[in-house]
Amino acid sequence: MNTDVQTHQLIPADDLNRSLTIVDPDGPDTRHVSVAGGIYTILVSGAETNGRYCLIEMLVPAGGGPPLHRHDFEEMFSLLDGELKFTFRGETQIVRAGLTINVPANAPHAFRNVSDKTARMLCMCAPAGQEEFFAAVGFAVESRTSPPPTPTTDELVEKGKLVASLLPQYRTEMVKT
């Protein structure tokens, strides 16, 4: 049996409407948002992957990180620099640069930078969508090296209301402890 014919029957034709994506994290068209005190750079969005995944660079300052939450999509982190306290299903461990963490869909998790240096990691979510949530609820910043803004109390209250209203749309919930 000819395996070349079988392969062509199992794999769809190349979609010529899609193109190669090459991203400069410091490029003028790259989106940067401040979320949970950190700076998140949207490297590859669902628009470039036909919704299959997104890739986000996260700079998490000392003390930064999201609260305990869960969502119905897969999330993977590759810690490039720094150290995080990572909580998964109630168990906490220290994760250091060089490690990759895969969070299964629906599992409660959180992370916190417990060091005195900024942690840097890549976050991939599959399918895509989390990048649009971050863009909607974060504070836009000029670059990945911009300092996080210092929002007023009123701005934080408004962002909190926005987050709460958008969580269901982005298939995410905060977990009460």
Protein backbone atom coordinates (compact mmCIF):
# COMPACT_ATOMS: atom_id res chain seq x y z
CA MET A 1 0.00 0.00 0.00
CA ASN A 2 1.29 3.50 -0.85
CA THR A 3 1.69 5.45 2.42
CA ASP A 4 2.03 8.79 0.58
CA VAL A 5 -1.53 8.45 -0.68
CA GLN A 6 -2.78 7.55 2.82
CA THR A 7 -1.06 10.60 4.34
CA HIS A 8 -2.64 12.94 1.80
CA GLN A 9 -6.05 11.47 2.53
CA LEU A 10 -5.68 11.96 6.31
CA ILE A 11 -4.13 15.42 6.37
CA PRO A 12 -6.13 18.33 4.93
CA ALA A 13 -4.62 20.42 2.15
CA ASP A 14 -2.46 23.39 3.08
CA ASP A 15 -4.64 26.43 3.84
CA LEU A 16 -3.07 29.06 1.60
CA ASN A 17 -5.16 31.78 3.28
CA ARG A 18 -2.98 31.39 6.39
CA SER A 19 0.55 32.74 6.54
CA LEU A 20 3.73 32.34 8.52
CA THR A 21 3.81 34.40 11.72
CA ILE A 22 7.06 35.95 12.90
CA VAL A 23 6.78 38.23 15.92
CA ASP A 24 9.18 40.81 17.32
CA PRO A 25 8.18 41.20 20.99
CA ASP A 26 9.38 44.80 20.77
CA GLY A 27 7.77 45.47 17.39
CA PRO A 28 5.39 48.39 16.89
CA ASP A 29 2.35 46.17 16.24
CA THR A 30 2.81 43.89 19.27
CA ARG A 31 0.19 44.31 22.02
CA HIS A 32 1.29 44.75 25.63
CA VAL A 33 -1.04 44.85 28.63
CA SER A 34 -0.59 45.11 32.37
CA VAL A 35 -2.45 42.29 34.11
CA ALA A 36 -2.19 41.37 37.81
CA GLY A 37 0.69 43.83 38.18
CA GLY A 38 2.76 42.23 35.41
CA ILE A 39 3.33 42.98 31.76
CA TYR A 40 1.89 40.49 29.27
CA THR A 41 2.96 40.62 25.64
CA ILE A 42 0.67 38.91 23.16
CA LEU A 43 3.10 37.20 20.82
CA VAL A 44 0.72 35.02 18.81
CA SER A 45 -3.05 35.41 18.98
CA GLY A 46 -5.90 33.21 17.90
CA ALA A 47 -6.14 35.35 14.77
CA GLU A 48 -2.79 33.93 13.62
CA THR A 49 -3.53 30.31 14.61
CA ASN A 50 -7.09 29.98 13.39
CA GLY A 51 -8.13 29.90 17.06
CA ARG A 52 -6.06 26.84 17.92
CA TYR A 53 -3.79 28.48 20.53
CA CYS A 54 -2.26 31.74 21.71
CA LEU A 55 1.22 32.49 23.04
CA ILE A 56 1.86 35.19 25.63
CA GLU A 57 5.09 36.35 27.23
CA MET A 58 4.50 37.17 30.89
CA LEU A 59 6.77 39.34 33.02
CA VAL A 60 5.65 38.79 36.60
CA PRO A 61 7.10 41.18 39.18
CA ALA A 62 8.02 40.25 42.74
CA GLY A 63 4.76 39.52 44.57
CA GLY A 64 2.78 39.37 41.29
CA GLY A 65 0.53 36.67 39.93
CA PRO A 66 -3.15 35.83 39.50
CA PRO A 67 -5.48 34.57 42.23
CA LEU A 68 -6.70 30.99 42.32
CA HIS A 69 -8.78 30.36 39.19
CA ARG A 70 -9.75 27.70 36.66
CA HIS A 71 -10.86 27.59 33.05
CA ASP A 72 -11.97 25.04 30.49
CA PHE A 73 -8.90 25.27 28.24
CA GLU A 74 -5.37 23.92 28.49
CA GLU A 75 -2.63 26.25 29.72
CA MET A 76 1.11 25.66 29.61
CA PHE A 77 3.89 27.78 31.08
CA SER A 78 7.61 27.61 30.32
CA LEU A 79 9.49 29.50 33.01
CA LEU A 80 12.45 31.20 31.32
CA ASP A 81 13.75 33.32 34.22
CA GLY A 82 12.94 33.46 37.90
CA GLU A 83 11.05 31.42 40.43
CA LEU A 84 7.34 31.04 41.17
CA LYS A 85 5.25 29.48 43.90
CA PHE A 86 2.77 27.45 41.89
CA THR A 87 -0.48 26.12 43.36
CA PHE A 88 -2.30 23.30 41.60
CA ARG A 89 -5.39 21.64 43.09
CA GLY A 90 -4.42 22.90 46.55
CA GLU A 91 -0.83 21.65 46.45
CA THR A 92 1.95 24.24 46.34
CA GLN A 93 5.50 23.90 45.03
CA ILE A 94 8.35 26.13 43.92
CA VAL A 95 8.98 26.13 40.17
CA ARG A 96 12.29 27.43 38.83
CA ALA A 97 13.58 28.65 35.45
CA GLY A 98 13.94 25.92 32.87
CA LEU A 99 10.80 24.04 33.90
CA THR A 100 7.53 23.70 31.99
CA ILE A 101 4.17 23.43 33.71
CA ASN A 102 1.07 22.06 31.98
CA VAL A 103 -2.27 22.86 33.61
CA PRO A 104 -5.12 20.59 32.49
CA ALA A 105 -8.42 22.22 31.66
CA ASN A 106 -10.74 22.87 34.62
CA ALA A 107 -8.05 22.43 37.31
CA PRO A 108 -7.79 25.17 39.98
CA HIS A 109 -4.39 26.87 39.90
CA ALA A 110 -2.50 30.06 40.73
CA PHE A 111 1.05 31.30 40.79
CA ARG A 112 2.92 33.96 42.74
CA ASN A 113 6.39 35.35 42.24
CA VAL A 114 7.90 34.90 45.70
CA SER A 115 11.38 36.05 44.68
CA ASP A 116 12.69 39.60 44.59
CA LYS A 117 13.28 39.50 40.81
CA THR A 118 10.89 39.60 37.86
CA ALA A 119 9.97 36.17 36.54
CA ARG A 120 9.68 35.71 32.78
CA MET A 121 7.68 32.94 31.16
CA LEU A 122 5.84 31.94 28.04
CA CYS A 123 2.20 30.95 28.39
CA MET A 124 0.35 28.98 25.73
CA CYS A 125 -3.42 28.51 25.92
CA ALA A 126 -5.28 26.06 23.70
CA PRO A 127 -7.65 26.91 22.24
CA ALA A 128 -6.98 30.63 21.94
CA GLY A 129 -9.03 33.31 23.65
CA GLN A 130 -7.17 34.06 26.87
CA GLU A 131 -5.11 36.71 25.06
CA GLU A 132 -8.32 38.58 24.22
CA PHE A 133 -9.46 38.37 27.84
CA PHE A 134 -6.13 39.86 28.97
CA ALA A 135 -6.40 42.62 26.34
CA ALA A 136 -9.95 43.42 27.49
CA VAL A 137 -9.27 43.54 31.24
CA GLY A 138 -5.66 44.73 31.33
CA PHE A 139 -4.25 48.22 31.11
CA ALA A 140 -2.61 48.84 27.72
CA VAL A 141 1.07 49.75 28.00
CA GLU A 142 3.52 50.91 25.36
CA SER A 143 6.10 48.13 25.56
CA ARG A 144 7.04 44.98 27.43
CA THR A 145 9.58 47.01 29.41
CA SER A 146 7.06 49.68 30.43
CA PRO A 147 6.45 49.95 34.15
CA PRO A 148 3.01 48.70 35.16
CA PRO A 149 0.59 51.58 35.62
CA THR A 150 -0.58 52.58 39.08
CA PRO A 151 -4.36 52.62 38.72
CA THR A 152 -6.55 54.62 41.06
CA THR A 153 -8.92 52.88 43.44
CA ASP A 154 -11.82 53.81 41.15
CA GLU A 155 -10.02 52.33 38.12
CA LEU A 156 -9.37 49.11 40.04
CA VAL A 157 -13.02 48.87 41.06
CA GLU A 158 -14.11 49.36 37.42
CA LYS A 159 -11.61 46.74 36.18
CA GLY A 160 -12.87 44.35 38.86
CA LYS A 161 -16.42 44.78 37.60
CA LEU A 162 -15.24 44.27 34.01
CA VAL A 163 -13.35 41.10 34.95
CA ALA A 164 -16.39 39.69 36.75
CA SER A 165 -18.65 40.42 33.79
CA LEU A 166 -16.26 38.86 31.23
CA LEU A 167 -15.23 35.69 33.11
CA PRO A 168 -18.15 33.58 31.80
CA GLN A 169 -17.55 34.71 28.21
CA TYR A 170 -13.92 33.59 28.47
CA ARG A 171 -14.82 30.28 30.22
CA THR A 172 -13.00 31.22 33.43
CA GLU A 173 -13.96 31.40 37.09
CA MET A 174 -12.23 32.61 40.21
CA VAL A 175 -12.00 29.95 42.91
CA LYS A 176 -12.89 31.01 46.43
CA THR A 177 -10.52 29.78 49.11
